[in-house]
Structure formats: structure tokens, C-alpha cells
Amino acid sequence: MVTLQDISQIIGEVLQLGSNADNFDSDTPLLGSVPEFDSMAVVSVLTAVEDNYGIAIDDDEVSAEIFETVGSFLEFVKEKAGG
């Protein structure tokens, strides 16, 4: 099962945010709000999620909407991972 803590940890590790990611909740904005979260970070976060959960994310599934908040990204990953 994919949890908010799991997703926050992945984002924090990829973006090298340290303990700042510990404060993420489902309403924490990402794209446009976290300076480190640029297009290269998006690719790195997606790759980390694919590796951690054994899923494949197609390019046509990726949109800015899934990166609006930590919660929206969590829901996307849950759906892809089957729960």
C-alpha cells in the first residue's frame, strides 16, 4: 500500500529536501511551489516511484494536475500501483 509518508519520503530524497519533506501533507503544493521541483525533478520522482512500486508510467499519463499537491500525486501513484 502506498502511503503519504512513502510518497513524501521519495519526493524528499529525490529533491534532497532533508527533514523538510517530513512536514508534507496531502495539501502541500508541489509544482510551482517547491523551487527544487522542476522538470528534471519530475522525471526523477517518477523514476523513483516506478522503481519502488514496480510500475510503469507512460508519458501520456503525466500531466501538471497530478503534481499540483502531494495528495494528488499520491492518488495517482495509488491508482497506478493498484491500491
Protein backbone atom coordinates (compact mmCIF):
# COMPACT_ATOMS: atom_id res chain seq x y z
CA MET A 1 0.00 0.00 0.00
CA VAL A 2 1.23 3.44 -0.94
CA THR A 3 1.09 5.98 1.90
CA LEU A 4 1.50 9.72 2.18
CA GLN A 5 4.66 9.13 4.19
CA ASP A 6 6.10 6.92 1.43
CA ILE A 7 5.45 9.50 -1.28
CA SER A 8 6.76 12.34 0.88
CA GLN A 9 9.91 10.36 1.56
CA ILE A 10 10.50 9.67 -2.14
CA ILE A 11 9.98 13.32 -3.04
CA GLY A 12 12.21 14.44 -0.18
CA GLU A 13 15.01 12.06 -1.14
CA VAL A 14 14.92 12.87 -4.85
CA LEU A 15 14.81 16.63 -4.23
CA GLN A 16 17.27 16.39 -1.34
CA LEU A 17 14.91 18.28 0.96
CA GLY A 18 16.09 16.66 4.15
CA SER A 19 13.63 16.86 7.02
CA ASN A 20 11.50 19.48 5.18
CA ALA A 21 9.63 16.63 3.48
CA ASP A 22 8.54 15.38 6.93
CA ASN A 23 6.14 18.33 7.07
CA PHE A 24 4.36 17.45 3.80
CA ASP A 25 0.66 16.69 3.98
CA SER A 26 -1.85 15.92 1.25
CA ASP A 27 -2.48 19.64 0.65
CA THR A 28 1.19 20.60 0.25
CA PRO A 29 1.57 22.21 -3.19
CA LEU A 30 4.36 20.89 -5.42
CA LEU A 31 4.67 22.15 -8.98
CA GLY A 32 5.35 25.88 -8.90
CA SER A 33 5.65 25.96 -5.11
CA VAL A 34 8.71 23.84 -4.34
CA PRO A 35 11.66 25.51 -6.13
CA GLU A 36 13.53 22.23 -6.46
CA PHE A 37 10.56 20.60 -8.22
CA ASP A 38 11.43 21.34 -11.84
CA SER A 39 11.02 19.24 -14.99
CA MET A 40 14.12 17.17 -14.24
CA ALA A 41 12.84 16.52 -10.72
CA VAL A 42 9.52 15.33 -12.15
CA VAL A 43 11.35 12.72 -14.23
CA SER A 44 13.48 11.67 -11.26
CA VAL A 45 10.47 11.38 -8.93
CA LEU A 46 8.56 9.32 -11.50
CA THR A 47 11.55 7.02 -11.98
CA ALA A 48 11.89 6.55 -8.22
CA VAL A 49 8.19 5.71 -7.93
CA GLU A 50 8.41 3.24 -10.81
CA ASP A 51 11.41 1.55 -9.17
CA ASN A 52 9.87 1.47 -5.69
CA TYR A 53 6.48 0.12 -6.73
CA GLY A 54 7.36 -1.90 -9.82
CA ILE A 55 5.02 0.09 -12.04
CA ALA A 56 5.39 1.73 -15.43
CA ILE A 57 4.17 5.27 -16.03
CA ASP A 58 3.63 6.24 -19.65
CA ASP A 59 4.45 9.75 -20.83
CA ASP A 60 0.84 10.36 -21.86
CA GLU A 61 -0.30 9.71 -18.27
CA VAL A 62 1.81 12.55 -16.89
CA SER A 63 0.21 15.97 -16.52
CA ALA A 64 0.68 19.01 -14.36
CA GLU A 65 -2.53 18.15 -12.48
CA ILE A 66 -1.00 15.08 -10.82
CA PHE A 67 1.77 17.26 -9.41
CA GLU A 68 -0.46 20.02 -8.01
CA THR A 69 -0.21 18.66 -4.47
CA VAL A 70 1.39 15.78 -2.62
CA GLY A 71 -2.12 14.35 -2.27
CA SER A 72 -2.87 14.46 -5.99
CA PHE A 73 0.42 12.73 -6.72
CA LEU A 74 -0.31 10.14 -4.00
CA GLU A 75 -3.69 9.36 -5.57
CA PHE A 76 -2.09 8.96 -9.00
CA VAL A 77 0.54 6.55 -7.62
CA LYS A 78 -2.10 4.60 -5.66
CA GLU A 79 -4.15 4.17 -8.82
CA LYS A 80 -1.11 3.02 -10.81
CA ALA A 81 0.06 0.64 -8.07
CA GLY A 82 -3.38 -0.85 -7.61
CA GLY A 83 -4.05 0.46 -4.17
